[in-house]
Amino acid sequence: MGIKKIGETSKLATSVDLTKPAIKIKDISVSYGKTQALQHISLSVNEKDYLGIMGPNGGGKSTLLRTILGFIKPDNGIAEVFGCSCAKNREILGYVPQFSSVDKNFPISVQKVVETGLLKGRAHPFHTYSNEQKEQAMQQLERLGIADLANRQISELSGGEFQRLLIARSLAANPKILLLDEPTASVDPSSREKIYSLLAELNKEMTIVLVTHDLTAISSSIKKLACLNQTLVYHGEPVLTDEVVEAMYGCPVDLIAHGVPHRVLADSAHQCVHGIGDNCPVCNGDSKHV
């Protein structure tokens, strides 16, 4: 039985118009009660673009991803995927949630996690997967280099292995767009670079939107950058200026040159922007996670 290439959907949604932008956000605002999460956001992502979204905690990055996924209905504005509402085209979206949002102690094997990515809606605990579905799941594990872990419990995985598992699950249904929320936040530097290399390869076949705190991601493979702090501070080429970073974090910054692109807030509260936090080897422990 032949296996479909990653990025090739078995049956595209009838509402997919490949002549339209992969993602179109126009004047989106989202609030939680009296708290404004996003204010009048507009941006466009073309097919096979690689967009990096950066910003401080509480800046609305995850909210924007969940709006694109159709999980959140905006107060106003429109969000479209290939010319139709995000909710209707959700089947062509792959999603990698934040590491911290997943229960690693849940009793399930690595392969079963990937198989759940092939189902629409909630996975029934006693669902029986076809041989084709099992084969598709194994293909993704092989692509991610963790096929040897297929029968292992997810509680036994390292941070890097677990992130690869989440990516494998997101690819199981062959999406055309891959959305990732802080995929390198809980992995070591070596695993982080492997994930960036993997995403660069996947970008040859699909559109990628990556939410990150990590400034080193800018120097890897992203093609466009969006800086978000409730409003869209910047959207363009992947180049950060002092002015953009100041607008994004709401205070002046200084550039610290010590081998890795790194910025600290000018109020002397050294804050790690590598996505690592207090254990950052560059910050030498003198950091607060941004």
C-alpha atoms as a PDB file:
ATOM      1  CA  MET A   1       0.000   0.000   0.000  1.00  0.00           C
ATOM      2  CA  GLY A   2       1.465   3.347  -1.052  1.00  0.00           C
ATOM      3  CA  ILE A   3       2.044   6.089   1.478  1.00  0.00           C
ATOM      4  CA  LYS A   4       1.200   9.668   0.612  1.00  0.00           C
ATOM      5  CA  LYS A   5       3.963  12.249   0.667  1.00  0.00           C
ATOM      6  CA  ILE A   6       3.864  14.672   3.575  1.00  0.00           C
ATOM      7  CA  GLY A   7       1.938  17.756   2.540  1.00  0.00           C
ATOM      8  CA  GLU A   8      -0.290  15.807   0.134  1.00  0.00           C
ATOM      9  CA  THR A   9      -3.782  15.624   1.566  1.00  0.00           C
ATOM     10  CA  SER A  10      -5.815  12.552   0.676  1.00  0.00           C
ATOM     11  CA  LYS A  11      -8.882  14.640  -0.042  1.00  0.00           C
ATOM     12  CA  LEU A  12      -8.632  18.431   0.082  1.00  0.00           C
ATOM     13  CA  ALA A  13     -11.519  20.277   1.654  1.00  0.00           C
ATOM     14  CA  THR A  14     -13.907  21.447  -1.061  1.00  0.00           C
ATOM     15  CA  SER A  15     -13.529  25.018   0.210  1.00  0.00           C
ATOM     16  CA  VAL A  16      -9.751  25.161  -0.335  1.00  0.00           C
ATOM     17  CA  ASP A  17      -8.790  27.733  -2.971  1.00  0.00           C
ATOM     18  CA  LEU A  18      -5.058  27.417  -3.575  1.00  0.00           C
ATOM     19  CA  THR A  19      -5.031  30.748  -5.445  1.00  0.00           C
ATOM     20  CA  LYS A  20      -5.840  32.535  -2.155  1.00  0.00           C
ATOM     21  CA  PRO A  21      -3.379  33.238   0.697  1.00  0.00           C
ATOM     22  CA  ALA A  22      -2.757  30.252   2.947  1.00  0.00           C
ATOM     23  CA  ILE A  23      -3.797  32.418   5.917  1.00  0.00           C
ATOM     24  CA  LYS A  24      -5.508  35.794   5.835  1.00  0.00           C
ATOM     25  CA  ILE A  25      -6.188  37.752   9.023  1.00  0.00           C
ATOM     26  CA  LYS A  26      -8.085  41.030   8.642  1.00  0.00           C
ATOM     27  CA  ASP A  27      -8.775  43.425  11.542  1.00  0.00           C
ATOM     28  CA  ILE A  28      -9.010  40.650  14.161  1.00  0.00           C
ATOM     29  CA  SER A  29      -9.698  41.576  17.782  1.00  0.00           C
ATOM     30  CA  VAL A  30     -10.101  39.064  20.616  1.00  0.00           C
ATOM     31  CA  SER A  31     -10.919  39.669  24.267  1.00  0.00           C
ATOM     32  CA  TYR A  32     -11.378  37.510  27.350  1.00  0.00           C
ATOM     33  CA  GLY A  33     -13.965  39.328  29.408  1.00  0.00           C
ATOM     34  CA  LYS A  34     -12.559  42.829  29.901  1.00  0.00           C
ATOM     35  CA  THR A  35      -9.029  41.775  28.939  1.00  0.00           C
ATOM     36  CA  GLN A  36      -8.018  42.622  25.375  1.00  0.00           C
ATOM     37  CA  ALA A  37      -5.802  39.868  23.932  1.00  0.00           C
ATOM     38  CA  LEU A  38      -5.586  41.035  20.302  1.00  0.00           C
ATOM     39  CA  GLN A  39      -6.378  44.433  18.831  1.00  0.00           C
ATOM     40  CA  HIS A  40      -7.017  44.965  15.116  1.00  0.00           C
ATOM     41  CA  ILE A  41      -4.524  42.412  13.777  1.00  0.00           C
ATOM     42  CA  SER A  42      -4.133  42.117  10.002  1.00  0.00           C
ATOM     43  CA  LEU A  43      -1.610  39.936   8.197  1.00  0.00           C
ATOM     44  CA  SER A  44      -1.347  37.578   5.239  1.00  0.00           C
ATOM     45  CA  VAL A  45       0.661  34.364   4.863  1.00  0.00           C
ATOM     46  CA  ASN A  46       1.222  32.907   1.399  1.00  0.00           C
ATOM     47  CA  GLU A  47       1.465  29.215   0.580  1.00  0.00           C
ATOM     48  CA  LYS A  48       4.832  27.752   1.682  1.00  0.00           C
ATOM     49  CA  ASP A  49       5.721  30.879   3.632  1.00  0.00           C
ATOM     50  CA  TYR A  50       7.499  30.349   6.955  1.00  0.00           C
ATOM     51  CA  LEU A  51       6.239  32.931   9.444  1.00  0.00           C
ATOM     52  CA  GLY A  52       7.782  33.408  12.871  1.00  0.00           C
ATOM     53  CA  ILE A  53       5.613  35.118  15.503  1.00  0.00           C
ATOM     54  CA  MET A  54       7.430  36.689  18.454  1.00  0.00           C
ATOM     55  CA  GLY A  55       6.330  38.692  21.463  1.00  0.00           C
ATOM     56  CA  PRO A  56       6.193  38.778  25.265  1.00  0.00           C
ATOM     57  CA  ASN A  57       4.079  36.527  27.464  1.00  0.00           C
ATOM     58  CA  GLY A  58       0.489  37.712  27.315  1.00  0.00           C
ATOM     59  CA  GLY A  59       1.112  39.377  23.963  1.00  0.00           C
ATOM     60  CA  GLY A  60      -1.526  37.293  22.188  1.00  0.00           C
ATOM     61  CA  LYS A  61       0.667  34.845  20.252  1.00  0.00           C
ATOM     62  CA  SER A  62      -1.144  31.678  21.330  1.00  0.00           C
ATOM     63  CA  THR A  63      -4.496  33.431  20.998  1.00  0.00           C
ATOM     64  CA  LEU A  64      -3.679  34.258  17.385  1.00  0.00           C
ATOM     65  CA  LEU A  65      -2.793  30.614  16.667  1.00  0.00           C
ATOM     66  CA  ARG A  66      -6.019  29.386  18.253  1.00  0.00           C
ATOM     67  CA  THR A  67      -7.978  31.926  16.212  1.00  0.00           C
ATOM     68  CA  ILE A  68      -6.381  30.594  13.017  1.00  0.00           C
ATOM     69  CA  LEU A  69      -7.282  27.067  14.142  1.00  0.00           C
ATOM     70  CA  GLY A  70     -10.897  28.130  14.552  1.00  0.00           C
ATOM     71  CA  PHE A  71     -10.880  27.381  18.295  1.00  0.00           C
ATOM     72  CA  ILE A  72     -11.562  31.027  19.170  1.00  0.00           C
ATOM     73  CA  LYS A  73     -14.183  33.212  17.526  1.00  0.00           C
ATOM     74  CA  PRO A  74     -12.878  36.796  17.279  1.00  0.00           C
ATOM     75  CA  ASP A  75     -14.871  39.761  18.520  1.00  0.00           C
ATOM     76  CA  ASN A  76     -14.535  41.296  15.067  1.00  0.00           C
ATOM     77  CA  GLY A  77     -12.622  40.784  11.842  1.00  0.00           C
ATOM     78  CA  ILE A  78     -12.135  37.720   9.653  1.00  0.00           C
ATOM     79  CA  ALA A  79      -9.714  34.794   9.673  1.00  0.00           C
ATOM     80  CA  GLU A  80      -9.459  32.649   6.546  1.00  0.00           C
ATOM     81  CA  VAL A  81      -7.476  29.623   5.404  1.00  0.00           C
ATOM     82  CA  PHE A  82      -7.178  29.350   1.623  1.00  0.00           C
ATOM     83  CA  GLY A  83     -10.185  31.596   1.138  1.00  0.00           C
ATOM     84  CA  CYS A  84     -12.612  30.047   3.611  1.00  0.00           C
ATOM     85  CA  SER A  85     -13.275  30.199   7.343  1.00  0.00           C
ATOM     86  CA  CYS A  86     -10.637  28.585   9.519  1.00  0.00           C
ATOM     87  CA  ALA A  87     -13.159  26.322  11.238  1.00  0.00           C
ATOM     88  CA  LYS A  88     -14.306  24.849   7.903  1.00  0.00           C
ATOM     89  CA  ASN A  89     -10.744  24.198   6.742  1.00  0.00           C
ATOM     90  CA  ARG A  90      -9.409  22.892  10.060  1.00  0.00           C
ATOM     91  CA  GLU A  91      -8.694  19.471   8.515  1.00  0.00           C
ATOM     92  CA  ILE A  92      -5.781  20.905   6.505  1.00  0.00           C
ATOM     93  CA  LEU A  93      -4.196  22.480   9.593  1.00  0.00           C
ATOM     94  CA  GLY A  94      -1.588  20.656  11.657  1.00  0.00           C
ATOM     95  CA  TYR A  95      -1.106  21.929  15.223  1.00  0.00           C
ATOM     96  CA  VAL A  96       1.727  21.431  17.721  1.00  0.00           C
ATOM     97  CA  PRO A  97       0.607  22.746  21.148  1.00  0.00           C
ATOM     98  CA  GLN A  98       2.875  24.014  23.893  1.00  0.00           C
ATOM     99  CA  PHE A  99       4.839  21.267  25.625  1.00  0.00           C
ATOM    100  CA  SER A 100       3.477  22.313  29.015  1.00  0.00           C
ATOM    101  CA  SER A 101      -0.147  21.835  27.903  1.00  0.00           C
ATOM    102  CA  VAL A 102       0.253  18.075  27.336  1.00  0.00           C
ATOM    103  CA  ASP A 103       0.055  15.482  30.126  1.00  0.00           C
ATOM    104  CA  LYS A 104       3.231  13.428  29.708  1.00  0.00           C
ATOM    105  CA  ASN A 105       2.071  10.940  32.346  1.00  0.00           C
ATOM    106  CA  PHE A 106      -0.984   9.840  30.371  1.00  0.00           C
ATOM    107  CA  PRO A 107      -0.671   6.059  29.738  1.00  0.00           C
ATOM    108  CA  ILE A 108      -0.356   5.885  25.953  1.00  0.00           C
ATOM    109  CA  SER A 109       2.303   4.687  23.538  1.00  0.00           C
ATOM    110  CA  VAL A 110       4.190   6.865  21.086  1.00  0.00           C
ATOM    111  CA  GLN A 111       2.554   5.270  18.030  1.00  0.00           C
ATOM    112  CA  LYS A 112      -0.953   5.594  19.492  1.00  0.00           C
ATOM    113  CA  VAL A 113      -0.406   9.332  19.978  1.00  0.00           C
ATOM    114  CA  VAL A 114       0.426   9.744  16.289  1.00  0.00           C
ATOM    115  CA  GLU A 115      -2.565   7.622  15.284  1.00  0.00           C
ATOM    116  CA  THR A 116      -4.904   9.984  17.148  1.00  0.00           C
ATOM    117  CA  GLY A 117      -3.755  12.698  14.744  1.00  0.00           C
ATOM    118  CA  LEU A 118      -5.588  10.842  11.961  1.00  0.00           C
ATOM    119  CA  LEU A 119      -8.983  11.156  13.638  1.00  0.00           C
ATOM    120  CA  LYS A 120     -11.511  13.933  13.289  1.00  0.00           C
ATOM    121  CA  GLY A 121     -12.879  15.198  16.581  1.00  0.00           C
ATOM    122  CA  ARG A 122     -12.151  13.535  19.917  1.00  0.00           C
ATOM    123  CA  ALA A 123     -10.336  10.193  19.937  1.00  0.00           C
ATOM    124  CA  HIS A 124     -12.307   7.358  21.571  1.00  0.00           C
ATOM    125  CA  PRO A 125     -10.063   5.366  23.931  1.00  0.00           C
ATOM    126  CA  PHE A 126     -11.189   2.087  22.341  1.00  0.00           C
ATOM    127  CA  HIS A 127     -11.018   3.214  18.721  1.00  0.00           C
ATOM    128  CA  THR A 128      -9.594   0.573  16.383  1.00  0.00           C
ATOM    129  CA  TYR A 129      -7.171   1.914  13.788  1.00  0.00           C
ATOM    130  CA  SER A 130      -6.921   0.414  10.309  1.00  0.00           C
ATOM    131  CA  ASN A 131      -3.683  -1.053   8.982  1.00  0.00           C
ATOM    132  CA  GLU A 132      -3.419   1.940   6.642  1.00  0.00           C
ATOM    133  CA  GLN A 133      -3.723   4.359   9.566  1.00  0.00           C
ATOM    134  CA  LYS A 134      -1.076   2.462  11.514  1.00  0.00           C
ATOM    135  CA  GLU A 135       1.200   2.560   8.475  1.00  0.00           C
ATOM    136  CA  GLN A 136       0.672   6.304   8.068  1.00  0.00           C
ATOM    137  CA  ALA A 137       1.504   6.852  11.740  1.00  0.00           C
ATOM    138  CA  MET A 138       4.687   4.790  11.441  1.00  0.00           C
ATOM    139  CA  GLN A 139       5.713   6.785   8.364  1.00  0.00           C
ATOM    140  CA  GLN A 140       5.614   9.988  10.390  1.00  0.00           C
ATOM    141  CA  LEU A 141       7.622   8.420  13.212  1.00  0.00           C
ATOM    142  CA  GLU A 142      10.239   7.357  10.671  1.00  0.00           C
ATOM    143  CA  ARG A 143      10.273  10.844   9.155  1.00  0.00           C
ATOM    144  CA  LEU A 144      10.909  12.322  12.607  1.00  0.00           C
ATOM    145  CA  GLY A 145      13.590   9.757  13.442  1.00  0.00           C
ATOM    146  CA  ILE A 146      11.752   8.204  16.393  1.00  0.00           C
ATOM    147  CA  ALA A 147      10.319   5.006  14.864  1.00  0.00           C
ATOM    148  CA  ASP A 148      12.370   2.981  17.357  1.00  0.00           C
ATOM    149  CA  LEU A 149      10.305   4.577  20.138  1.00  0.00           C
ATOM    150  CA  ALA A 150       6.929   3.512  18.699  1.00  0.00           C
ATOM    151  CA  ASN A 151       6.006   1.136  21.539  1.00  0.00           C
ATOM    152  CA  ARG A 152       7.441   3.245  24.339  1.00  0.00           C
ATOM    153  CA  GLN A 153       5.210   5.104  26.796  1.00  0.00           C
ATOM    154  CA  ILE A 154       5.287   8.879  26.326  1.00  0.00           C
ATOM    155  CA  SER A 155       6.325   9.325  29.967  1.00  0.00           C
ATOM    156  CA  GLU A 156       9.686   7.751  29.056  1.00  0.00           C
ATOM    157  CA  LEU A 157      10.584  10.331  26.389  1.00  0.00           C
ATOM    158  CA  SER A 158      13.089  13.153  26.685  1.00  0.00           C
ATOM    159  CA  GLY A 159      11.993  16.715  25.957  1.00  0.00           C
ATOM    160  CA  GLY A 160      13.378  16.609  22.412  1.00  0.00           C
ATOM    161  CA  GLU A 161      11.819  13.205  21.685  1.00  0.00           C
ATOM    162  CA  PHE A 162       8.459  14.381  22.996  1.00  0.00           C
ATOM    163  CA  GLN A 163       8.490  17.480  20.789  1.00  0.00           C
ATOM    164  CA  ARG A 164       9.280  15.304  17.764  1.00  0.00           C
ATOM    165  CA  LEU A 165       6.339  13.125  18.734  1.00  0.00           C
ATOM    166  CA  LEU A 166       3.995  16.126  18.827  1.00  0.00           C
ATOM    167  CA  ILE A 167       5.243  17.207  15.400  1.00  0.00           C
ATOM    168  CA  ALA A 168       4.753  13.665  14.052  1.00  0.00           C
ATOM    169  CA  ARG A 169       1.161  13.684  15.312  1.00  0.00           C
ATOM    170  CA  SER A 170       0.490  17.045  13.677  1.00  0.00           C
ATOM    171  CA  LEU A 171       1.726  15.670  10.336  1.00  0.00           C
ATOM    172  CA  ALA A 172      -0.276  12.435  10.454  1.00  0.00           C
ATOM    173  CA  ALA A 173      -3.215  13.762   8.412  1.00  0.00           C
ATOM    174  CA  ASN A 174      -0.919  15.426   5.828  1.00  0.00           C
ATOM    175  CA  PRO A 175      -1.768  19.086   6.519  1.00  0.00           C
ATOM    176  CA  LYS A 176      -1.044  21.935   4.143  1.00  0.00           C
ATOM    177  CA  ILE A 177      -0.343  24.355   7.004  1.00  0.00           C
ATOM    178  CA  LEU A 178       1.635  23.580  10.170  1.00  0.00           C
ATOM    179  CA  LEU A 179       1.135  25.754  13.278  1.00  0.00           C
ATOM    180  CA  LEU A 180       3.585  25.373  16.169  1.00  0.00           C
ATOM    181  CA  ASP A 181       3.322  26.988  19.613  1.00  0.00           C
ATOM    182  CA  GLU A 182       6.764  27.289  21.269  1.00  0.00           C
ATOM    183  CA  PRO A 183       8.080  23.942  19.920  1.00  0.00           C
ATOM    184  CA  THR A 184      11.603  24.481  21.303  1.00  0.00           C
ATOM    185  CA  ALA A 185      10.750  25.887  24.734  1.00  0.00           C
ATOM    186  CA  SER A 186      11.526  22.708  26.694  1.00  0.00           C
ATOM    187  CA  VAL A 187      14.389  21.153  24.737  1.00  0.00           C
ATOM    188  CA  ASP A 188      18.176  21.351  24.915  1.00  0.00           C
ATOM    189  CA  PRO A 189      20.162  23.403  22.351  1.00  0.00           C
ATOM    190  CA  SER A 190      21.075  20.337  20.263  1.00  0.00           C
ATOM    191  CA  SER A 191      17.451  19.199  19.989  1.00  0.00           C
ATOM    192  CA  ARG A 192      16.393  22.768  19.231  1.00  0.00           C
ATOM    193  CA  GLU A 193      18.683  22.939  16.200  1.00  0.00           C
ATOM    194  CA  LYS A 194      17.428  19.556  14.964  1.00  0.00           C
ATOM    195  CA  ILE A 195      13.841  20.796  15.188  1.00  0.00           C
ATOM    196  CA  TYR A 196      14.687  23.951  13.228  1.00  0.00           C
ATOM    197  CA  SER A 197      16.411  21.838  10.544  1.00  0.00           C
ATOM    198  CA  LEU A 198      13.367  19.588  10.354  1.00  0.00           C
ATOM    199  CA  LEU A 199      10.998  22.552   9.993  1.00  0.00           C
ATOM    200  CA  ALA A 200      13.149  23.974   7.192  1.00  0.00           C
ATOM    201  CA  GLU A 201      12.715  20.686   5.307  1.00  0.00           C
ATOM    202  CA  LEU A 202       8.971  20.571   5.969  1.00  0.00           C
ATOM    203  CA  ASN A 203       8.645  24.134   4.690  1.00  0.00           C
ATOM    204  CA  LYS A 204       9.508  22.876   1.209  1.00  0.00           C
ATOM    205  CA  GLU A 205       6.164  21.080   1.266  1.00  0.00           C
ATOM    206  CA  MET A 206       3.878  23.196   3.446  1.00  0.00           C
ATOM    207  CA  THR A 207       3.225  26.572   5.037  1.00  0.00           C
ATOM    208  CA  ILE A 208       4.633  26.976   8.561  1.00  0.00           C
ATOM    209  CA  VAL A 209       3.678  29.404  11.327  1.00  0.00           C
ATOM    210  CA  LEU A 210       5.963  29.246  14.366  1.00  0.00           C
ATOM    211  CA  VAL A 211       5.331  31.004  17.684  1.00  0.00           C
ATOM    212  CA  THR A 212       8.564  31.422  19.623  1.00  0.00           C
ATOM    213  CA  HIS A 213      10.464  33.387  22.265  1.00  0.00           C
ATOM    214  CA  ASP A 214      13.733  32.284  20.702  1.00  0.00           C
ATOM    215  CA  LEU A 215      15.626  35.006  18.845  1.00  0.00           C
ATOM    216  CA  THR A 216      17.942  32.376  17.326  1.00  0.00           C
ATOM    217  CA  ALA A 217      14.968  31.161  15.280  1.00  0.00           C
ATOM    218  CA  ILE A 218      15.220  34.344  13.242  1.00  0.00           C
ATOM    219  CA  SER A 219      18.647  33.364  11.966  1.00  0.00           C
ATOM    220  CA  SER A 220      17.522  29.866  10.966  1.00  0.00           C
ATOM    221  CA  SER A 221      14.966  29.499   8.195  1.00  0.00           C
ATOM    222  CA  ILE A 222      11.955  31.740   8.731  1.00  0.00           C
ATOM    223  CA  LYS A 223      11.007  33.904   5.767  1.00  0.00           C
ATOM    224  CA  LYS A 224       8.726  36.442   7.452  1.00  0.00           C
ATOM    225  CA  LEU A 225       8.486  37.821  10.975  1.00  0.00           C
ATOM    226  CA  ALA A 226       5.509  39.127  12.927  1.00  0.00           C
ATOM    227  CA  CYS A 227       6.089  40.878  16.264  1.00  0.00           C
ATOM    228  CA  LEU A 228       3.036  40.879  18.462  1.00  0.00           C
ATOM    229  CA  ASN A 229       2.098  42.588  21.707  1.00  0.00           C
ATOM    230  CA  GLN A 230      -1.705  42.684  21.520  1.00  0.00           C
ATOM    231  CA  THR A 231      -1.245  44.817  18.408  1.00  0.00           C
ATOM    232  CA  LEU A 232       0.907  43.922  15.405  1.00  0.00           C
ATOM    233  CA  VAL A 233       4.136  45.809  16.037  1.00  0.00           C
ATOM    234  CA  TYR A 234       5.939  44.563  12.916  1.00  0.00           C
ATOM    235  CA  HIS A 235       5.283  42.271   9.948  1.00  0.00           C
ATOM    236  CA  GLY A 236       7.935  41.843   7.292  1.00  0.00           C
ATOM    237  CA  GLU A 237      11.417  40.489   6.640  1.00  0.00           C
ATOM    238  CA  PRO A 238      13.030  38.458   9.480  1.00  0.00           C
ATOM    239  CA  VAL A 239      15.207  41.304  10.751  1.00  0.00           C
ATOM    240  CA  LEU A 240      14.839  42.734  14.254  1.00  0.00           C
ATOM    241  CA  THR A 241      15.808  46.340  14.886  1.00  0.00           C
ATOM    242  CA  ASP A 242      16.133  47.940  18.306  1.00  0.00           C
ATOM    243  CA  GLU A 243      13.025  49.990  17.533  1.00  0.00           C
ATOM    244  CA  VAL A 244      10.938  46.884  16.776  1.00  0.00           C
ATOM    245  CA  VAL A 245      12.086  45.054  19.914  1.00  0.00           C
ATOM    246  CA  GLU A 246      11.417  48.134  22.059  1.00  0.00           C
ATOM    247  CA  ALA A 247       7.905  48.385  20.635  1.00  0.00           C
ATOM    248  CA  MET A 248       7.349  44.648  21.127  1.00  0.00           C
ATOM    249  CA  TYR A 249       8.465  44.535  24.779  1.00  0.00           C
ATOM    250  CA  GLY A 250       7.319  48.023  25.706  1.00  0.00           C
ATOM    251  CA  CYS A 251      10.658  49.370  26.962  1.00  0.00           C
ATOM    252  CA  PRO A 252      14.166  50.239  25.701  1.00  0.00           C
ATOM    253  CA  VAL A 253      16.613  47.394  25.018  1.00  0.00           C
ATOM    254  CA  ASP A 254      20.345  46.978  24.571  1.00  0.00           C
ATOM    255  CA  LEU A 255      22.080  44.475  22.293  1.00  0.00           C
ATOM    256  CA  ILE A 256      24.484  42.191  24.130  1.00  0.00           C
ATOM    257  CA  ALA A 257      27.082  40.656  21.795  1.00  0.00           C
ATOM    258  CA  HIS A 258      28.309  37.348  23.165  1.00  0.00           C
ATOM    259  CA  GLY A 259      28.038  34.823  20.378  1.00  0.00           C
ATOM    260  CA  VAL A 260      24.272  34.339  20.288  1.00  0.00           C
ATOM    261  CA  PRO A 261      21.701  36.950  19.179  1.00  0.00           C
ATOM    262  CA  HIS A 262      20.578  38.240  22.549  1.00  0.00           C
ATOM    263  CA  ARG A 263      18.797  41.286  23.956  1.00  0.00           C
ATOM    264  CA  VAL A 264      18.188  42.448  27.487  1.00  0.00           C
ATOM    265  CA  LEU A 265      15.770  44.974  28.849  1.00  0.00           C
ATOM    266  CA  ALA A 266      17.410  48.288  29.650  1.00  0.00           C
ATOM    267  CA  ASP A 267      15.997  48.348  33.184  1.00  0.00           C
ATOM    268  CA  SER A 268      18.828  45.895  34.053  1.00  0.00           C
ATOM    269  CA  ALA A 269      16.425  43.019  34.731  1.00  0.00           C
ATOM    270  CA  HIS A 270      18.273  40.538  32.537  1.00  0.00           C
ATOM    271  CA  GLN A 271      15.661  38.491  30.712  1.00  0.00           C
ATOM    272  CA  CYS A 272      16.365  35.442  28.589  1.00  0.00           C
ATOM    273  CA  VAL A 273      15.006  35.660  25.048  1.00  0.00           C
ATOM    274  CA  HIS A 274      16.348  32.301  23.895  1.00  0.00           C
ATOM    275  CA  GLY A 275      13.233  30.502  25.112  1.00  0.00           C
ATOM    276  CA  ILE A 276      15.206  28.697  27.829  1.00  0.00           C
ATOM    277  CA  GLY A 277      14.807  30.821  30.956  1.00  0.00           C
ATOM    278  CA  ASP A 278      16.854  30.451  34.138  1.00  0.00           C
ATOM    279  CA  ASN A 279      18.918  27.557  32.750  1.00  0.00           C
ATOM    280  CA  CYS A 280      20.056  29.414  29.644  1.00  0.00           C
ATOM    281  CA  PRO A 281      23.810  28.730  29.115  1.00  0.00           C
ATOM    282  CA  VAL A 282      24.247  32.134  27.477  1.00  0.00           C
ATOM    283  CA  CYS A 283      22.614  34.031  30.321  1.00  0.00           C
ATOM    284  CA  ASN A 284      24.569  31.964  32.886  1.00  0.00           C
ATOM    285  CA  GLY A 285      21.574  31.746  35.164  1.00  0.00           C
ATOM    286  CA  ASP A 286      21.157  35.543  35.378  1.00  0.00           C
ATOM    287  CA  SER A 287      17.832  35.643  33.569  1.00  0.00           C
ATOM    288  CA  LYS A 288      14.102  35.798  33.790  1.00  0.00           C
ATOM    289  CA  HIS A 289      12.025  34.035  31.151  1.00  0.00           C
ATOM    290  CA  VAL A 290      10.347  36.465  28.766  1.00  0.00           C
END
